[in-house]
C-alpha atoms as a PDB file:
ATOM      1  CA  MET A   1     -14.743  17.937 -25.573  1.00  0.00           C
ATOM      2  CA  SER A   2     -14.490  16.193 -28.884  1.00  0.00           C
ATOM      3  CA  ASP A   3     -14.188  12.408 -29.010  1.00  0.00           C
ATOM      4  CA  LEU A   4     -10.412  12.449 -28.642  1.00  0.00           C
ATOM      5  CA  ALA A   5      -7.782  15.009 -27.629  1.00  0.00           C
ATOM      6  CA  LEU A   6      -3.980  14.948 -27.609  1.00  0.00           C
ATOM      7  CA  SER A   7      -2.154  17.108 -25.080  1.00  0.00           C
ATOM      8  CA  PHE A   8      -0.035  17.165 -21.949  1.00  0.00           C
ATOM      9  CA  GLY A   9      -1.657  15.051 -19.232  1.00  0.00           C
ATOM     10  CA  GLU A  10      -2.161  17.831 -16.690  1.00  0.00           C
ATOM     11  CA  GLU A  11      -4.530  19.610 -19.077  1.00  0.00           C
ATOM     12  CA  PHE A  12      -7.233  17.035 -18.281  1.00  0.00           C
ATOM     13  CA  THR A  13      -8.538  17.107 -14.733  1.00  0.00           C
ATOM     14  CA  SER A  14     -12.121  15.847 -15.067  1.00  0.00           C
ATOM     15  CA  LYS A  15     -12.896  12.505 -13.423  1.00  0.00           C
ATOM     16  CA  ASN A  16     -14.979  11.639 -16.512  1.00  0.00           C
ATOM     17  CA  ILE A  17     -11.921  11.572 -18.747  1.00  0.00           C
ATOM     18  CA  SER A  18      -9.640   8.610 -19.313  1.00  0.00           C
ATOM     19  CA  LYS A  19      -6.089   9.084 -20.506  1.00  0.00           C
ATOM     20  CA  LEU A  20      -3.836   6.836 -22.518  1.00  0.00           C
ATOM     21  CA  VAL A  21      -0.170   7.783 -22.034  1.00  0.00           C
ATOM     22  CA  ILE A  22       1.699   7.998 -25.321  1.00  0.00           C
ATOM     23  CA  LYS A  23       4.987   9.294 -23.949  1.00  0.00           C
ATOM     24  CA  SER A  24       6.348  10.492 -20.652  1.00  0.00           C
ATOM     25  CA  GLY A  25       9.638  11.900 -19.512  1.00  0.00           C
ATOM     26  CA  ARG A  26      11.478  14.772 -17.902  1.00  0.00           C
ATOM     27  CA  TYR A  27      12.251  18.310 -18.960  1.00  0.00           C
ATOM     28  CA  ASN A  28      15.762  19.404 -19.862  1.00  0.00           C
ATOM     29  CA  ALA A  29      17.284  22.878 -19.666  1.00  0.00           C
ATOM     30  CA  LEU A  30      18.125  24.648 -22.929  1.00  0.00           C
ATOM     31  CA  VAL A  31      21.377  26.554 -22.457  1.00  0.00           C
ATOM     32  CA  ALA A  32      23.158  28.746 -25.015  1.00  0.00           C
ATOM     33  CA  GLN A  33      26.857  28.750 -25.781  1.00  0.00           C
ATOM     34  CA  GLY A  34      28.554  31.316 -23.543  1.00  0.00           C
ATOM     35  CA  HIS A  35      26.232  30.655 -20.598  1.00  0.00           C
ATOM     36  CA  PRO A  36      28.027  29.512 -17.406  1.00  0.00           C
ATOM     37  CA  LEU A  37      26.087  26.195 -17.454  1.00  0.00           C
ATOM     38  CA  PHE A  38      26.703  25.401 -21.141  1.00  0.00           C
ATOM     39  CA  ASP A  39      29.432  22.801 -20.518  1.00  0.00           C
ATOM     40  CA  TYR A  40      27.580  20.972 -17.733  1.00  0.00           C
ATOM     41  CA  GLN A  41      26.537  17.380 -18.387  1.00  0.00           C
ATOM     42  CA  VAL A  42      23.777  17.607 -15.762  1.00  0.00           C
ATOM     43  CA  ILE A  43      22.350  20.646 -13.955  1.00  0.00           C
ATOM     44  CA  ASN A  44      20.981  20.275 -10.440  1.00  0.00           C
ATOM     45  CA  VAL A  45      17.988  22.371  -9.402  1.00  0.00           C
ATOM     46  CA  SER A  46      19.960  24.661  -7.087  1.00  0.00           C
ATOM     47  CA  GLU A  47      22.262  25.586  -9.997  1.00  0.00           C
ATOM     48  CA  LEU A  48      19.337  25.996 -12.397  1.00  0.00           C
ATOM     49  CA  TYR A  49      17.349  28.421 -10.266  1.00  0.00           C
ATOM     50  CA  GLN A  50      20.315  30.800  -9.859  1.00  0.00           C
ATOM     51  CA  TYR A  51      19.721  32.043 -13.424  1.00  0.00           C
ATOM     52  CA  PRO A  52      16.923  33.907 -15.235  1.00  0.00           C
ATOM     53  CA  LEU A  53      14.496  31.601 -17.003  1.00  0.00           C
ATOM     54  CA  LEU A  54      12.398  31.715 -20.143  1.00  0.00           C
ATOM     55  CA  MET A  55       8.981  30.072 -20.325  1.00  0.00           C
ATOM     56  CA  LEU A  56       6.088  29.844 -22.686  1.00  0.00           C
ATOM     57  CA  SER A  57       3.394  32.288 -21.623  1.00  0.00           C
ATOM     58  CA  GLU A  58       0.427  31.352 -19.473  1.00  0.00           C
ATOM     59  CA  GLU A  59      -1.827  32.073 -22.462  1.00  0.00           C
ATOM     60  CA  SER A  60      -0.045  29.513 -24.623  1.00  0.00           C
ATOM     61  CA  MET A  61       0.538  26.895 -21.886  1.00  0.00           C
ATOM     62  CA  GLY A  62      -2.798  27.068 -20.097  1.00  0.00           C
ATOM     63  CA  LYS A  63      -2.944  25.032 -16.880  1.00  0.00           C
ATOM     64  CA  SER A  64       0.572  23.741 -17.500  1.00  0.00           C
ATOM     65  CA  TYR A  65       2.011  27.193 -16.693  1.00  0.00           C
ATOM     66  CA  VAL A  66       0.620  27.136 -13.148  1.00  0.00           C
ATOM     67  CA  ILE A  67       1.690  23.503 -12.715  1.00  0.00           C
ATOM     68  CA  MET A  68       5.252  24.396 -13.780  1.00  0.00           C
ATOM     69  CA  LYS A  69       5.378  27.124 -11.134  1.00  0.00           C
ATOM     70  CA  GLU A  70       4.006  24.711  -8.513  1.00  0.00           C
ATOM     71  CA  ARG A  71       6.651  22.139  -9.407  1.00  0.00           C
ATOM     72  CA  SER A  72       9.354  24.792  -9.078  1.00  0.00           C
ATOM     73  CA  LEU A  73       8.126  25.536  -5.570  1.00  0.00           C
ATOM     74  CA  LYS A  74       8.143  21.799  -4.879  1.00  0.00           C
ATOM     75  CA  ASP A  75      11.782  21.833  -6.054  1.00  0.00           C
ATOM     76  CA  GLY A  76      12.321  24.398  -3.293  1.00  0.00           C
ATOM     77  CA  PHE A  77      12.729  27.483  -5.478  1.00  0.00           C
ATOM     78  CA  TYR A  78      10.648  30.326  -6.864  1.00  0.00           C
ATOM     79  CA  PRO A  79      11.396  30.554 -10.598  1.00  0.00           C
ATOM     80  CA  ASN A  80      12.998  33.781 -11.822  1.00  0.00           C
ATOM     81  CA  ILE A  81      11.001  34.023 -15.055  1.00  0.00           C
ATOM     82  CA  ALA A  82      12.703  36.874 -16.896  1.00  0.00           C
ATOM     83  CA  ARG A  83      10.645  36.549 -20.083  1.00  0.00           C
ATOM     84  CA  THR A  84       7.700  34.646 -21.503  1.00  0.00           C
ATOM     85  CA  VAL A  85       7.021  33.934 -25.169  1.00  0.00           C
ATOM     86  CA  ASP A  86       3.926  32.743 -27.002  1.00  0.00           C
ATOM     87  CA  ASP A  87       5.722  30.425 -29.400  1.00  0.00           C
ATOM     88  CA  PHE A  88       8.288  27.709 -28.668  1.00  0.00           C
ATOM     89  CA  GLU A  89      10.348  28.578 -31.763  1.00  0.00           C
ATOM     90  CA  GLU A  90      10.575  32.203 -30.577  1.00  0.00           C
ATOM     91  CA  SER A  91      12.240  31.010 -27.377  1.00  0.00           C
ATOM     92  CA  PHE A  92      15.470  30.120 -29.191  1.00  0.00           C
ATOM     93  CA  PHE A  93      16.051  33.793 -30.019  1.00  0.00           C
ATOM     94  CA  TYR A  94      15.932  34.814 -26.342  1.00  0.00           C
ATOM     95  CA  ILE A  95      17.923  31.814 -25.157  1.00  0.00           C
ATOM     96  CA  LEU A  96      20.692  32.912 -27.521  1.00  0.00           C
ATOM     97  CA  SER A  97      20.433  36.699 -27.299  1.00  0.00           C
ATOM     98  CA  GLU A  98      19.685  37.132 -23.590  1.00  0.00           C
ATOM     99  CA  GLN A  99      21.368  33.978 -22.247  1.00  0.00           C
ATOM    100  CA  LEU A 100      18.093  32.821 -20.641  1.00  0.00           C
ATOM    101  CA  ILE A 101      17.521  29.183 -19.772  1.00  0.00           C
ATOM    102  CA  GLY A 102      14.603  27.553 -21.564  1.00  0.00           C
ATOM    103  CA  PHE A 103      13.011  24.133 -21.214  1.00  0.00           C
ATOM    104  CA  GLU A 104      12.046  21.289 -23.500  1.00  0.00           C
ATOM    105  CA  THR A 105      11.228  17.610 -23.327  1.00  0.00           C
ATOM    106  CA  ASP A 106      14.127  15.210 -22.892  1.00  0.00           C
ATOM    107  CA  ASP A 107      13.905  13.879 -26.451  1.00  0.00           C
ATOM    108  CA  PHE A 108      13.647  17.163 -28.360  1.00  0.00           C
ATOM    109  CA  ASN A 109      15.906  17.256 -31.438  1.00  0.00           C
ATOM    110  CA  LEU A 110      18.250  20.251 -31.348  1.00  0.00           C
ATOM    111  CA  SER A 111      20.447  19.179 -34.262  1.00  0.00           C
ATOM    112  CA  LYS A 112      19.739  22.417 -36.189  1.00  0.00           C
ATOM    113  CA  LEU A 113      21.122  24.410 -33.258  1.00  0.00           C
ATOM    114  CA  ASP A 114      24.031  22.083 -32.508  1.00  0.00           C
ATOM    115  CA  GLY A 115      26.888  23.966 -30.897  1.00  0.00           C
ATOM    116  CA  MET A 116      24.740  27.026 -30.163  1.00  0.00           C
ATOM    117  CA  ILE A 117      22.218  25.555 -27.687  1.00  0.00           C
ATOM    118  CA  ARG A 118      22.546  22.411 -25.593  1.00  0.00           C
ATOM    119  CA  SER A 119      19.837  20.350 -23.954  1.00  0.00           C
ATOM    120  CA  ILE A 120      21.010  19.390 -20.471  1.00  0.00           C
ATOM    121  CA  PRO A 121      19.190  17.049 -18.048  1.00  0.00           C
ATOM    122  CA  ILE A 122      17.974  18.567 -14.780  1.00  0.00           C
ATOM    123  CA  GLU A 123      18.817  16.482 -11.717  1.00  0.00           C
ATOM    124  CA  GLY A 124      16.532  16.379  -8.691  1.00  0.00           C
ATOM    125  CA  SER A 125      13.541  18.143 -10.236  1.00  0.00           C
ATOM    126  CA  TRP A 126       9.810  17.442 -10.032  1.00  0.00           C
ATOM    127  CA  HIS A 127       9.363  18.654 -13.623  1.00  0.00           C
ATOM    128  CA  THR A 128       7.989  15.756 -15.657  1.00  0.00           C
ATOM    129  CA  TYR A 129       5.503  15.437 -18.489  1.00  0.00           C
ATOM    130  CA  GLU A 130       3.049  13.002 -20.023  1.00  0.00           C
ATOM    131  CA  ILE A 131       1.665  13.311 -23.519  1.00  0.00           C
ATOM    132  CA  VAL A 132      -1.708  11.620 -23.533  1.00  0.00           C
ATOM    133  CA  LEU A 133      -4.731  10.795 -25.614  1.00  0.00           C
ATOM    134  CA  ALA A 134      -7.774  11.793 -23.594  1.00  0.00           C
ATOM    135  CA  TYR A 135     -11.360  10.662 -24.106  1.00  0.00           C
ATOM    136  CA  GLN A 136     -14.678  10.450 -22.266  1.00  0.00           C
ATOM    137  CA  LYS A 137     -14.793   7.344 -20.052  1.00  0.00           C
ATOM    138  CA  ASP A 138     -18.371   6.582 -21.023  1.00  0.00           C
ATOM    139  CA  SER A 139     -17.926   7.060 -24.779  1.00  0.00           C
ATOM    140  CA  LYS A 140     -20.237   4.898 -26.878  1.00  0.00           C
ATOM    141  CA  ASN A 141     -18.434   5.764 -30.114  1.00  0.00           C
ATOM    142  CA  GLN A 142     -17.463   2.298 -31.385  1.00  0.00           C
ATOM    143  CA  THR A 143     -14.936   3.702 -33.867  1.00  0.00           C
ATOM    144  CA  LEU A 144     -13.171   5.518 -31.033  1.00  0.00           C
ATOM    145  CA  ILE A 145     -13.232   2.386 -28.837  1.00  0.00           C
ATOM    146  CA  ASP A 146     -11.770   0.286 -31.670  1.00  0.00           C
ATOM    147  CA  PHE A 147      -9.090   2.907 -32.366  1.00  0.00           C
ATOM    148  CA  LEU A 148      -8.076   3.116 -28.708  1.00  0.00           C
ATOM    149  CA  THR A 149      -7.869  -0.679 -28.457  1.00  0.00           C
ATOM    150  CA  ILE A 150      -5.641  -0.907 -31.531  1.00  0.00           C
ATOM    151  CA  PHE A 151      -3.551   2.076 -30.439  1.00  0.00           C
ATOM    152  CA  ASP A 152      -3.127   0.780 -26.877  1.00  0.00           C
ATOM    153  CA  ASN A 153      -1.999  -2.631 -28.179  1.00  0.00           C
ATOM    154  CA  SER A 154       0.544  -0.950 -30.477  1.00  0.00           C
ATOM    155  CA  LEU A 155       2.155   0.712 -27.437  1.00  0.00           C
ATOM    156  CA  LEU A 156       2.865  -2.645 -25.767  1.00  0.00           C
END
């Protein structure tokens, strides 16, 4: 590992790594106009899992792909993953053309797709995320230590 990495928190499982949370939140469903759930203000998990889903591929998500499946099972459902894609931007095509439900973080800006795709909160789901800075606990790199101290104070 390099001195510092930025990723989703579940990517780092070693006990020798410390994590500084930059942002955390929940995932929302991405639903295209014409889909039966498009006008919902909130989608509960039982409604969500009735429809085919779109996810980033295991190759592009890494450990997060398996964790997403585990969280779906924790929600009480096996996900009906109808298609996977390697690129997040590619997912919009299949959300629109095949009426699949995609996922994104709760603060993702969809203004360019306004009216075509909506981001809808998912109620009662275990799907959450943390974006973290990760670093070796025993790092002796003084520049890294100084940076983390300044960065951590800026988050307060």
